[in-house]
């Protein structure tokens, strides 16, 4: 069973994420050169499936094989950051890993639960699960089933914030309607990480 940080560790982690966000926001990211492949894909569709099924070690092994052949593979770097995040729950390291993936032409990917109900408690009865992608060109939610997906440019996003009623959830508002999400780790740190990356990516 995974052990979650103590109250003191939580405070230190929140401070670390805040400082890291300030640092990354203060300095522009390096733009990848024309010689780098931007939209490379992971060769095996089994890799995202392994991450979704929480087989992180297996996914990392396959991703290491891809990166051995192609160290700048943007898609592999992104999924590697995702697998390591959920395996180790180290949110400050994940922030750096996703920034590196973004520099290579990738971004950040999270497994999330999308609530179909009006947000009022931590309990959700009507929902779908899927992948939340943050890339240079915007945001995309891809459900594993159902039709609640969407794709947005950053300019279309009216609000991207932690929910006031629960720090373990966040919402994305567009077309005057909020879409509420819970994260896989079910901690207050993963929404904070996602918000930090959104702020950083929209500046570049």
N, C-alpha and C. Protein backbone atom coordinates (compact mmCIF):
# COMPACT_ATOMS: atom_id res chain seq x y z
N UNK A 1 0.84 -1.20 0.00
CA UNK A 1 0.00 0.00 0.00
C UNK A 1 0.87 1.24 0.00
N UNK A 2 0.52 2.23 -0.82
CA UNK A 2 1.32 3.44 -0.88
C UNK A 2 1.07 4.32 0.33
N UNK A 3 2.14 4.93 0.82
CA UNK A 3 1.99 5.87 1.94
C UNK A 3 2.01 7.27 1.39
N UNK A 4 1.06 8.09 1.82
CA UNK A 4 0.98 9.46 1.35
C UNK A 4 1.72 10.38 2.31
N UNK A 5 2.13 11.55 1.84
CA UNK A 5 2.95 12.43 2.65
C UNK A 5 2.26 12.85 3.94
N UNK A 6 3.06 13.08 4.98
CA UNK A 6 2.55 13.60 6.24
C UNK A 6 2.14 15.05 6.06
N UNK A 7 1.40 15.66 7.04
CA UNK A 7 1.03 17.07 6.92
C UNK A 7 2.22 17.99 6.69
N UNK A 8 3.35 17.72 7.36
CA UNK A 8 4.54 18.55 7.17
C UNK A 8 5.08 18.37 5.77
N UNK A 9 5.13 17.10 5.29
CA UNK A 9 5.61 16.84 3.94
C UNK A 9 4.71 17.49 2.91
N UNK A 10 3.39 17.50 3.19
CA UNK A 10 2.46 18.14 2.26
C UNK A 10 2.78 19.61 2.11
N UNK A 11 3.02 20.27 3.24
CA UNK A 11 3.32 21.71 3.20
C UNK A 11 4.60 21.97 2.42
N UNK A 12 5.62 21.15 2.66
CA UNK A 12 6.89 21.32 1.96
C UNK A 12 6.72 21.08 0.46
N UNK A 13 5.90 20.07 0.11
CA UNK A 13 5.67 19.77 -1.29
C UNK A 13 4.92 20.90 -1.99
N UNK A 14 3.91 21.45 -1.31
CA UNK A 14 3.17 22.58 -1.88
C UNK A 14 4.09 23.77 -2.11
N UNK A 15 4.98 24.03 -1.15
CA UNK A 15 5.94 25.13 -1.29
C UNK A 15 6.87 24.86 -2.47
N UNK A 16 7.35 23.61 -2.56
CA UNK A 16 8.27 23.25 -3.65
C UNK A 16 7.61 23.43 -5.01
N UNK A 17 6.35 22.98 -5.13
CA UNK A 17 5.64 23.13 -6.39
C UNK A 17 5.42 24.60 -6.74
N UNK A 18 5.11 25.40 -5.73
CA UNK A 18 4.89 26.83 -5.95
C UNK A 18 6.17 27.51 -6.43
N UNK A 19 7.28 27.18 -5.76
CA UNK A 19 8.57 27.76 -6.15
C UNK A 19 8.94 27.32 -7.57
N UNK A 20 8.75 26.01 -7.85
CA UNK A 20 9.08 25.50 -9.17
C UNK A 20 8.24 26.17 -10.25
N UNK A 21 6.96 26.38 -9.97
CA UNK A 21 6.09 27.06 -10.92
C UNK A 21 6.58 28.46 -11.19
N UNK A 22 7.01 29.17 -10.12
CA UNK A 22 7.52 30.54 -10.29
C UNK A 22 8.75 30.54 -11.17
N UNK A 23 9.65 29.58 -10.93
CA UNK A 23 10.88 29.52 -11.70
C UNK A 23 10.59 29.25 -13.17
N UNK A 24 9.75 28.24 -13.43
CA UNK A 24 9.44 27.90 -14.81
C UNK A 24 8.66 29.01 -15.51
N UNK A 25 7.85 29.76 -14.76
CA UNK A 25 7.06 30.83 -15.36
C UNK A 25 7.91 32.06 -15.64
N UNK A 26 9.02 32.20 -14.93
CA UNK A 26 9.84 33.40 -15.06
C UNK A 26 10.78 33.33 -16.26
N UNK A 27 11.10 32.11 -16.69
CA UNK A 27 12.04 31.94 -17.79
C UNK A 27 11.38 31.17 -18.91
N UNK A 28 11.48 31.67 -20.14
CA UNK A 28 10.84 30.97 -21.26
C UNK A 28 11.50 29.64 -21.52
N UNK A 29 10.69 28.68 -21.95
CA UNK A 29 11.21 27.37 -22.31
C UNK A 29 11.95 27.46 -23.63
N UNK A 30 12.95 26.60 -23.79
CA UNK A 30 13.65 26.55 -25.05
C UNK A 30 12.74 25.94 -26.11
N UNK A 31 12.68 26.55 -27.25
CA UNK A 31 11.84 26.03 -28.33
C UNK A 31 12.65 25.01 -29.11
N UNK A 32 12.04 23.86 -29.38
CA UNK A 32 12.78 22.82 -30.08
C UNK A 32 13.06 23.25 -31.51
N UNK A 33 14.21 22.86 -32.00
CA UNK A 33 14.63 23.26 -33.34
C UNK A 33 13.88 22.52 -34.42
N UNK A 34 14.06 22.95 -35.65
CA UNK A 34 13.34 22.35 -36.76
C UNK A 34 13.77 20.90 -36.99
N UNK A 35 14.99 20.56 -36.57
CA UNK A 35 15.48 19.21 -36.80
C UNK A 35 14.88 18.18 -35.87
N UNK A 36 14.21 18.64 -34.81
CA UNK A 36 13.63 17.70 -33.86
C UNK A 36 12.24 17.26 -34.31
N UNK A 37 11.94 16.00 -34.11
CA UNK A 37 10.60 15.51 -34.45
C UNK A 37 9.64 15.91 -33.36
N UNK A 38 8.53 16.55 -33.73
CA UNK A 38 7.59 17.08 -32.75
C UNK A 38 6.44 16.12 -32.48
N UNK A 39 5.90 15.50 -33.51
CA UNK A 39 4.70 14.67 -33.33
C UNK A 39 5.00 13.19 -33.45
N UNK A 40 6.12 12.77 -32.89
CA UNK A 40 6.44 11.36 -32.92
C UNK A 40 5.48 10.61 -32.01
N UNK A 41 5.24 9.36 -32.32
CA UNK A 41 4.30 8.59 -31.52
C UNK A 41 4.98 7.38 -30.92
N UNK A 42 4.47 6.94 -29.77
CA UNK A 42 4.95 5.71 -29.16
C UNK A 42 4.57 4.57 -30.10
N UNK A 43 5.53 3.71 -30.42
CA UNK A 43 5.28 2.68 -31.43
C UNK A 43 4.25 1.65 -30.98
N UNK A 44 4.20 1.35 -29.70
CA UNK A 44 3.28 0.32 -29.22
C UNK A 44 2.06 0.94 -28.53
N UNK A 45 0.85 0.65 -29.02
CA UNK A 45 -0.35 1.17 -28.35
C UNK A 45 -0.55 0.55 -26.99
N UNK A 46 0.23 -0.50 -26.68
CA UNK A 46 0.11 -1.15 -25.38
C UNK A 46 0.62 -0.27 -24.25
N UNK A 47 1.48 0.69 -24.55
CA UNK A 47 2.08 1.51 -23.49
C UNK A 47 1.04 2.34 -22.75
N UNK A 48 0.20 3.14 -23.43
CA UNK A 48 -0.85 3.85 -22.69
C UNK A 48 -1.76 2.91 -21.93
N UNK A 49 -2.05 1.74 -22.53
CA UNK A 49 -2.92 0.77 -21.86
C UNK A 49 -2.29 0.26 -20.57
N UNK A 50 -0.97 0.03 -20.58
CA UNK A 50 -0.28 -0.41 -19.37
C UNK A 50 -0.38 0.65 -18.27
N UNK A 51 -0.20 1.91 -18.65
CA UNK A 51 -0.31 3.00 -17.67
C UNK A 51 -1.73 3.07 -17.12
N UNK A 52 -2.71 2.95 -18.01
CA UNK A 52 -4.10 3.03 -17.57
C UNK A 52 -4.42 1.90 -16.60
N UNK A 53 -3.83 0.72 -16.83
CA UNK A 53 -4.08 -0.43 -15.96
C UNK A 53 -3.12 -0.46 -14.76
N UNK A 54 -2.38 0.62 -14.57
CA UNK A 54 -1.49 0.80 -13.43
C UNK A 54 -0.31 -0.17 -13.41
N UNK A 55 0.07 -0.65 -14.58
CA UNK A 55 1.27 -1.49 -14.70
C UNK A 55 2.44 -0.59 -15.11
N UNK A 56 2.84 0.26 -14.19
CA UNK A 56 3.81 1.32 -14.49
C UNK A 56 5.19 0.79 -14.81
N UNK A 57 5.65 -0.21 -14.07
CA UNK A 57 6.98 -0.76 -14.33
C UNK A 57 7.08 -1.33 -15.74
N UNK A 58 6.04 -2.03 -16.17
CA UNK A 58 6.03 -2.61 -17.52
C UNK A 58 6.04 -1.50 -18.57
N UNK A 59 5.27 -0.45 -18.32
CA UNK A 59 5.22 0.67 -19.27
C UNK A 59 6.58 1.35 -19.36
N UNK A 60 7.23 1.54 -18.21
CA UNK A 60 8.53 2.21 -18.19
C UNK A 60 9.58 1.38 -18.94
N UNK A 61 9.52 0.07 -18.78
CA UNK A 61 10.46 -0.80 -19.50
C UNK A 61 10.31 -0.64 -21.00
N UNK A 62 9.07 -0.63 -21.49
CA UNK A 62 8.82 -0.47 -22.93
C UNK A 62 9.23 0.93 -23.40
N UNK A 63 8.97 1.93 -22.58
CA UNK A 63 9.33 3.30 -22.95
C UNK A 63 10.84 3.48 -22.99
N UNK A 64 11.55 2.82 -22.11
CA UNK A 64 13.01 2.87 -22.13
C UNK A 64 13.55 2.29 -23.44
N UNK A 65 12.89 1.26 -23.94
CA UNK A 65 13.31 0.67 -25.22
C UNK A 65 13.11 1.65 -26.36
N UNK A 66 11.97 2.37 -26.33
CA UNK A 66 11.70 3.37 -27.36
C UNK A 66 12.74 4.50 -27.29
N UNK A 67 13.01 4.98 -26.08
CA UNK A 67 13.93 6.11 -25.91
C UNK A 67 15.38 5.72 -26.17
N UNK A 68 15.69 4.44 -26.04
CA UNK A 68 17.04 3.98 -26.40
C UNK A 68 17.27 4.17 -27.89
N UNK A 69 16.25 3.89 -28.68
CA UNK A 69 16.34 4.04 -30.13
C UNK A 69 16.19 5.50 -30.54
N UNK A 70 15.37 6.24 -29.80
CA UNK A 70 15.03 7.61 -30.19
C UNK A 70 14.90 8.48 -28.94
N UNK A 71 16.01 9.00 -28.42
CA UNK A 71 16.00 9.74 -27.14
C UNK A 71 15.13 10.99 -27.15
N UNK A 72 14.81 11.53 -28.34
CA UNK A 72 14.02 12.76 -28.41
C UNK A 72 12.56 12.49 -28.78
N UNK A 73 12.14 11.26 -28.67
CA UNK A 73 10.75 10.93 -29.00
C UNK A 73 9.81 11.63 -28.02
N UNK A 74 9.11 12.64 -28.50
CA UNK A 74 8.30 13.50 -27.63
C UNK A 74 7.18 12.73 -26.95
N UNK A 75 6.55 11.83 -27.68
CA UNK A 75 5.45 11.05 -27.13
C UNK A 75 5.95 10.12 -26.02
N UNK A 76 7.07 9.47 -26.25
CA UNK A 76 7.64 8.57 -25.25
C UNK A 76 8.06 9.32 -24.00
N UNK A 77 8.66 10.50 -24.17
CA UNK A 77 9.05 11.31 -23.02
C UNK A 77 7.84 11.72 -22.19
N UNK A 78 6.75 12.02 -22.87
CA UNK A 78 5.52 12.42 -22.17
C UNK A 78 4.96 11.26 -21.36
N UNK A 79 4.82 10.10 -22.00
CA UNK A 79 4.28 8.94 -21.28
C UNK A 79 5.23 8.46 -20.18
N UNK A 80 6.53 8.64 -20.38
CA UNK A 80 7.49 8.27 -19.34
C UNK A 80 7.27 9.14 -18.10
N UNK A 81 7.04 10.42 -18.30
CA UNK A 81 6.77 11.33 -17.18
C UNK A 81 5.49 10.91 -16.46
N UNK A 82 4.48 10.51 -17.24
CA UNK A 82 3.21 10.08 -16.65
C UNK A 82 3.38 8.80 -15.82
N UNK A 83 4.08 7.82 -16.39
CA UNK A 83 4.28 6.55 -15.69
C UNK A 83 5.07 6.75 -14.40
N UNK A 84 6.12 7.57 -14.46
CA UNK A 84 6.92 7.83 -13.26
C UNK A 84 6.14 8.60 -12.20
N UNK A 85 5.28 9.51 -12.66
CA UNK A 85 4.45 10.26 -11.71
C UNK A 85 3.59 9.31 -10.89
N UNK A 86 2.87 8.42 -11.58
CA UNK A 86 1.94 7.54 -10.86
C UNK A 86 2.66 6.42 -10.10
N UNK A 87 3.86 6.06 -10.54
CA UNK A 87 4.61 5.03 -9.83
C UNK A 87 5.19 5.57 -8.52
N UNK A 88 5.76 6.79 -8.59
CA UNK A 88 6.50 7.32 -7.44
C UNK A 88 5.75 8.42 -6.68
N UNK A 89 4.73 9.02 -7.31
CA UNK A 89 3.98 10.12 -6.71
C UNK A 89 4.91 11.25 -6.24
N UNK A 90 5.95 11.51 -7.05
CA UNK A 90 6.85 12.62 -6.78
C UNK A 90 6.45 13.77 -7.70
N UNK A 91 5.72 14.72 -7.16
CA UNK A 91 5.09 15.75 -7.99
C UNK A 91 6.07 16.82 -8.45
N UNK A 92 7.09 17.11 -7.65
CA UNK A 92 8.08 18.11 -8.07
C UNK A 92 8.94 17.55 -9.22
N UNK A 93 9.32 16.28 -9.13
CA UNK A 93 10.06 15.66 -10.23
C UNK A 93 9.19 15.58 -11.48
N UNK A 94 7.91 15.29 -11.29
CA UNK A 94 6.98 15.20 -12.43
C UNK A 94 6.88 16.55 -13.15
N UNK A 95 6.90 17.63 -12.40
CA UNK A 95 6.84 18.96 -13.01
C UNK A 95 8.02 19.16 -13.96
N UNK A 96 9.21 18.77 -13.52
CA UNK A 96 10.40 18.90 -14.36
C UNK A 96 10.33 17.96 -15.56
N UNK A 97 9.87 16.72 -15.33
CA UNK A 97 9.79 15.74 -16.42
C UNK A 97 8.83 16.19 -17.51
N UNK A 98 7.68 16.71 -17.11
CA UNK A 98 6.71 17.17 -18.11
C UNK A 98 7.21 18.41 -18.85
N UNK A 99 7.95 19.27 -18.16
CA UNK A 99 8.52 20.44 -18.84
C UNK A 99 9.53 19.99 -19.89
N UNK A 100 10.33 18.97 -19.58
CA UNK A 100 11.29 18.45 -20.55
C UNK A 100 10.58 17.83 -21.74
N UNK A 101 9.48 17.12 -21.47
CA UNK A 101 8.70 16.53 -22.56
C UNK A 101 8.12 17.64 -23.44
N UNK A 102 7.66 18.71 -22.82
CA UNK A 102 7.11 19.86 -23.57
C UNK A 102 8.20 20.47 -24.45
N UNK A 103 9.41 20.61 -23.92
CA UNK A 103 10.52 21.16 -24.70
C UNK A 103 10.80 20.33 -25.94
N UNK A 104 10.58 19.01 -25.82
CA UNK A 104 10.85 18.10 -26.92
C UNK A 104 9.72 18.06 -27.94
N UNK A 105 8.62 18.76 -27.66
CA UNK A 105 7.48 18.77 -28.57
C UNK A 105 6.29 17.98 -28.07
N UNK A 106 6.41 17.44 -26.84
CA UNK A 106 5.29 16.69 -26.26
C UNK A 106 4.49 17.55 -25.32
N UNK A 107 4.23 17.03 -24.12
CA UNK A 107 3.44 17.80 -23.16
C UNK A 107 3.26 17.01 -21.88
N UNK A 108 2.02 16.97 -21.41
CA UNK A 108 1.70 16.26 -20.17
C UNK A 108 0.40 15.49 -20.37
N UNK A 109 0.34 14.28 -19.79
CA UNK A 109 -0.84 13.44 -19.90
C UNK A 109 -1.19 12.89 -18.52
N UNK A 110 -2.48 12.95 -18.18
CA UNK A 110 -2.95 12.48 -16.89
C UNK A 110 -4.17 11.59 -17.06
N UNK A 111 -4.30 10.61 -16.17
CA UNK A 111 -5.52 9.81 -16.11
C UNK A 111 -6.47 10.50 -15.15
N UNK A 112 -7.66 10.86 -15.64
CA UNK A 112 -8.59 11.64 -14.82
C UNK A 112 -9.98 11.03 -14.88
N UNK A 113 -10.79 11.43 -13.91
CA UNK A 113 -12.21 11.08 -13.87
C UNK A 113 -13.02 12.34 -14.12
N UNK A 114 -13.87 12.29 -15.12
CA UNK A 114 -14.69 13.44 -15.50
C UNK A 114 -16.09 13.29 -14.91
N UNK A 115 -16.45 14.22 -14.03
CA UNK A 115 -17.77 14.17 -13.41
C UNK A 115 -18.83 14.69 -14.36
N UNK A 116 -19.95 13.97 -14.48
CA UNK A 116 -21.07 14.41 -15.30
C UNK A 116 -22.12 15.14 -14.45
N UNK A 117 -21.84 15.26 -13.16
CA UNK A 117 -22.79 15.88 -12.24
C UNK A 117 -22.33 17.28 -11.86
N UNK A 118 -23.23 18.04 -11.31
CA UNK A 118 -22.86 19.33 -10.75
C UNK A 118 -22.00 19.10 -9.53
N UNK A 119 -20.87 19.80 -9.46
CA UNK A 119 -19.91 19.53 -8.39
C UNK A 119 -20.42 20.04 -7.06
N UNK A 120 -20.50 19.12 -6.07
CA UNK A 120 -20.87 19.57 -4.72
C UNK A 120 -20.17 18.78 -3.62
N UNK A 121 -19.78 17.53 -3.89
CA UNK A 121 -19.06 16.73 -2.89
C UNK A 121 -17.95 15.95 -3.58
N UNK A 122 -17.18 15.20 -2.78
CA UNK A 122 -16.12 14.36 -3.33
C UNK A 122 -16.68 13.06 -3.92
N UNK A 123 -17.97 12.79 -3.68
CA UNK A 123 -18.56 11.56 -4.20
C UNK A 123 -19.16 11.83 -5.58
N UNK A 124 -18.82 10.97 -6.53
CA UNK A 124 -19.33 11.11 -7.89
C UNK A 124 -19.95 9.78 -8.32
N UNK A 125 -21.20 9.82 -8.74
CA UNK A 125 -21.90 8.61 -9.17
C UNK A 125 -21.94 8.49 -10.70
N UNK A 126 -22.01 9.63 -11.37
CA UNK A 126 -22.11 9.63 -12.84
C UNK A 126 -20.83 10.25 -13.40
N UNK A 127 -20.01 9.44 -14.04
CA UNK A 127 -18.71 9.92 -14.48
C UNK A 127 -18.18 9.05 -15.62
N UNK A 128 -17.11 9.51 -16.25
CA UNK A 128 -16.34 8.69 -17.19
C UNK A 128 -14.86 8.95 -16.92
N UNK A 129 -14.03 7.99 -17.28
CA UNK A 129 -12.59 8.15 -17.11
C UNK A 129 -11.93 8.34 -18.47
N UNK A 130 -10.75 8.93 -18.43
CA UNK A 130 -10.05 9.14 -19.69
C UNK A 130 -8.72 9.83 -19.50
N UNK A 131 -8.20 10.34 -20.61
CA UNK A 131 -6.88 10.96 -20.64
C UNK A 131 -7.01 12.47 -20.84
N UNK A 132 -6.32 13.22 -20.00
CA UNK A 132 -6.25 14.67 -20.18
C UNK A 132 -4.88 15.01 -20.74
N UNK A 133 -4.86 15.61 -21.93
CA UNK A 133 -3.62 15.98 -22.60
C UNK A 133 -3.42 17.50 -22.53
N UNK A 134 -2.24 17.92 -22.15
CA UNK A 134 -1.84 19.33 -22.22
C UNK A 134 -0.67 19.40 -23.19
N UNK A 135 -0.87 20.11 -24.30
CA UNK A 135 0.18 20.22 -25.30
C UNK A 135 0.39 21.69 -25.66
N UNK A 136 1.33 21.91 -26.55
CA UNK A 136 1.63 23.28 -26.96
C UNK A 136 0.42 23.94 -27.63
N UNK A 137 -0.37 23.14 -28.36
CA UNK A 137 -1.49 23.72 -29.10
C UNK A 137 -2.80 23.72 -28.32
N UNK A 138 -2.79 23.22 -27.06
CA UNK A 138 -4.01 23.30 -26.27
C UNK A 138 -4.26 22.07 -25.40
N UNK A 139 -5.54 21.87 -25.08
CA UNK A 139 -5.98 20.85 -24.13
C UNK A 139 -6.93 19.88 -24.83
N UNK A 140 -6.82 18.61 -24.47
CA UNK A 140 -7.75 17.63 -25.02
C UNK A 140 -8.10 16.60 -23.94
N UNK A 141 -9.38 16.31 -23.82
CA UNK A 141 -9.82 15.22 -22.95
C UNK A 141 -10.35 14.11 -23.83
N UNK A 142 -9.77 12.91 -23.68
CA UNK A 142 -10.16 11.75 -24.49
C UNK A 142 -10.71 10.68 -23.55
N UNK A 143 -12.04 10.51 -23.49
CA UNK A 143 -12.61 9.49 -22.60
C UNK A 143 -12.35 8.09 -23.13
N UNK A 144 -12.22 7.14 -22.23
CA UNK A 144 -12.02 5.76 -22.66
C UNK A 144 -13.31 5.16 -23.23
N UNK A 145 -14.43 5.76 -22.87
CA UNK A 145 -15.72 5.37 -23.46
C UNK A 145 -16.68 6.56 -23.32
N UNK A 146 -17.68 6.61 -24.15
CA UNK A 146 -18.62 7.72 -24.09
C UNK A 146 -18.24 8.85 -25.02
N UNK A 147 -18.99 9.94 -24.93
CA UNK A 147 -18.84 11.05 -25.89
C UNK A 147 -18.59 12.38 -25.20
N UNK A 148 -17.98 12.35 -24.03
CA UNK A 148 -17.77 13.59 -23.30
C UNK A 148 -16.40 14.22 -23.54
N UNK A 149 -15.76 13.84 -24.62
CA UNK A 149 -14.44 14.39 -24.93
C UNK A 149 -14.53 15.80 -25.49
N UNK A 150 -13.40 16.50 -25.46
CA UNK A 150 -13.34 17.84 -26.05
C UNK A 150 -11.88 18.18 -26.37
N UNK A 151 -11.71 19.12 -27.27
CA UNK A 151 -10.39 19.62 -27.63
C UNK A 151 -10.48 21.14 -27.72
N UNK A 152 -9.56 21.83 -27.04
CA UNK A 152 -9.61 23.28 -26.94
C UNK A 152 -8.25 23.90 -27.19
N UNK A 153 -8.24 25.06 -27.79
CA UNK A 153 -7.03 25.88 -27.77
C UNK A 153 -6.99 26.59 -26.42
N UNK A 154 -5.83 27.04 -25.99
CA UNK A 154 -5.74 27.70 -24.70
C UNK A 154 -6.57 28.98 -24.66
N UNK A 155 -6.76 29.60 -25.81
CA UNK A 155 -7.56 30.84 -25.86
C UNK A 155 -9.04 30.59 -25.57
N UNK A 156 -9.49 29.37 -25.80
CA UNK A 156 -10.89 29.04 -25.56
C UNK A 156 -11.19 28.77 -24.08
N UNK A 157 -10.15 28.58 -23.29
CA UNK A 157 -10.33 28.25 -21.87
C UNK A 157 -10.63 29.52 -21.08
N UNK A 158 -11.78 29.55 -20.43
CA UNK A 158 -12.17 30.71 -19.64
C UNK A 158 -11.65 30.64 -18.21
N UNK A 159 -11.47 29.42 -17.72
CA UNK A 159 -10.99 29.24 -16.35
C UNK A 159 -10.41 27.84 -16.22
N UNK A 160 -9.31 27.73 -15.48
CA UNK A 160 -8.66 26.45 -15.24
C UNK A 160 -8.14 26.52 -13.81
N UNK A 161 -8.92 25.99 -12.86
CA UNK A 161 -8.61 26.22 -11.46
C UNK A 161 -8.96 25.01 -10.58
N UNK A 162 -8.36 25.01 -9.37
CA UNK A 162 -8.74 24.07 -8.34
C UNK A 162 -10.17 24.40 -7.90
N UNK A 163 -10.98 23.39 -7.60
CA UNK A 163 -12.33 23.65 -7.13
C UNK A 163 -12.31 24.17 -5.70
N UNK A 164 -13.22 25.05 -5.41
CA UNK A 164 -13.26 25.65 -4.07
C UNK A 164 -13.73 24.66 -3.00
N UNK A 165 -14.60 23.73 -3.37
CA UNK A 165 -15.15 22.80 -2.40
C UNK A 165 -14.23 21.63 -2.10
N UNK A 166 -13.29 21.35 -2.99
CA UNK A 166 -12.35 20.25 -2.77
C UNK A 166 -11.05 20.54 -3.51
N UNK A 167 -9.94 20.52 -2.78
CA UNK A 167 -8.64 20.74 -3.39
C UNK A 167 -8.17 19.52 -4.17
N UNK A 168 -8.93 18.44 -4.10
CA UNK A 168 -8.56 17.23 -4.83
C UNK A 168 -9.20 17.21 -6.22
N UNK A 169 -9.89 18.25 -6.58
CA UNK A 169 -10.54 18.32 -7.88
C UNK A 169 -10.23 19.67 -8.54
N UNK A 170 -10.41 19.71 -9.86
CA UNK A 170 -10.20 20.96 -10.60
C UNK A 170 -11.24 21.04 -11.70
N UNK A 171 -11.38 22.21 -12.28
CA UNK A 171 -12.34 22.37 -13.37
C UNK A 171 -11.73 23.15 -14.52
N UNK A 172 -12.24 22.87 -15.70
CA UNK A 172 -11.89 23.61 -16.91
C UNK A 172 -13.18 24.23 -17.43
N UNK A 173 -13.21 25.53 -17.51
CA UNK A 173 -14.42 26.22 -17.95
C UNK A 173 -14.26 26.74 -19.37
N UNK A 174 -15.21 26.40 -20.23
CA UNK A 174 -15.25 26.93 -21.59
C UNK A 174 -16.71 26.96 -22.03
N UNK A 175 -17.03 27.86 -22.93
CA UNK A 175 -18.42 28.06 -23.35
C UNK A 175 -19.35 28.28 -22.15
N UNK A 176 -18.81 28.96 -21.12
CA UNK A 176 -19.55 29.34 -19.91
C UNK A 176 -19.99 28.14 -19.07
N UNK A 177 -19.35 26.99 -19.28
CA UNK A 177 -19.70 25.80 -18.51
C UNK A 177 -18.43 25.14 -17.98
N UNK A 178 -18.47 24.72 -16.72
CA UNK A 178 -17.31 24.09 -16.09
C UNK A 178 -17.37 22.56 -16.22
N UNK A 179 -16.24 21.99 -16.61
CA UNK A 179 -16.08 20.54 -16.66
C UNK A 179 -15.21 20.15 -15.47
N UNK A 180 -15.73 19.31 -14.57
CA UNK A 180 -15.04 18.98 -13.33
C UNK A 180 -14.31 17.65 -13.43
N UNK A 181 -13.12 17.61 -12.83
CA UNK A 181 -12.27 16.43 -12.92
C UNK A 181 -11.67 16.07 -11.56
N UNK A 182 -11.51 14.77 -11.36
CA UNK A 182 -10.75 14.23 -10.23
C UNK A 182 -9.53 13.52 -10.80
N UNK A 183 -8.44 13.49 -10.04
CA UNK A 183 -7.20 12.91 -10.53
C UNK A 183 -7.01 11.49 -10.02
N UNK A 184 -6.14 10.75 -10.68
CA UNK A 184 -5.91 9.35 -10.30
C UNK A 184 -5.33 9.23 -8.90
N UNK A 185 -4.39 10.11 -8.53
CA UNK A 185 -3.73 9.98 -7.23
C UNK A 185 -4.66 10.33 -6.07
N UNK A 186 -5.76 11.01 -6.35
CA UNK A 186 -6.72 11.42 -5.33
C UNK A 186 -6.03 12.21 -4.21
N UNK A 187 -5.10 13.07 -4.59
CA UNK A 187 -4.43 13.96 -3.64
C UNK A 187 -4.65 15.40 -4.08
N UNK A 188 -4.29 16.33 -3.23
CA UNK A 188 -4.39 17.74 -3.58
C UNK A 188 -3.22 18.19 -4.45
N UNK A 189 -2.18 17.33 -4.59
CA UNK A 189 -0.98 17.73 -5.29
C UNK A 189 -1.09 17.58 -6.81
N UNK A 190 -1.79 16.54 -7.26
CA UNK A 190 -1.89 16.34 -8.70
C UNK A 190 -2.68 17.46 -9.38
N UNK A 191 -3.83 17.91 -8.83
CA UNK A 191 -4.49 19.07 -9.43
C UNK A 191 -3.58 20.30 -9.45
N UNK A 192 -2.81 20.49 -8.39
CA UNK A 192 -1.89 21.63 -8.33
C UNK A 192 -0.83 21.52 -9.42
N UNK A 193 -0.33 20.30 -9.64
CA UNK A 193 0.64 20.07 -10.71
C UNK A 193 0.03 20.39 -12.07
N UNK A 194 -1.20 19.94 -12.30
CA UNK A 194 -1.86 20.18 -13.59
C UNK A 194 -2.07 21.68 -13.82
N UNK A 195 -2.50 22.39 -12.79
CA UNK A 195 -2.69 23.83 -12.90
C UNK A 195 -1.37 24.53 -13.20
N UNK A 196 -0.30 24.10 -12.52
CA UNK A 196 1.02 24.69 -12.73
C UNK A 196 1.49 24.50 -14.17
N UNK A 197 1.29 23.29 -14.71
CA UNK A 197 1.71 23.01 -16.08
C UNK A 197 0.87 23.80 -17.08
N UNK A 198 -0.43 23.91 -16.81
CA UNK A 198 -1.29 24.71 -17.69
C UNK A 198 -0.80 26.15 -17.76
N UNK A 199 -0.48 26.72 -16.63
CA UNK A 199 0.00 28.11 -16.59
C UNK A 199 1.31 28.26 -17.35
N UNK A 200 2.20 27.28 -17.17
CA UNK A 200 3.48 27.34 -17.83
C UNK A 200 3.35 27.16 -19.34
N UNK A 201 2.54 26.18 -19.77
CA UNK A 201 2.40 25.88 -21.19
C UNK A 201 1.73 27.04 -21.93
N UNK A 202 0.81 27.73 -21.28
CA UNK A 202 0.11 28.82 -21.97
C UNK A 202 1.01 30.03 -22.16
N UNK A 203 2.13 30.08 -21.45
CA UNK A 203 3.07 31.19 -21.61
C UNK A 203 4.04 30.94 -22.76
N UNK A 204 3.99 29.76 -23.36
CA UNK A 204 4.97 29.41 -24.40
C UNK A 204 4.28 28.92 -25.67
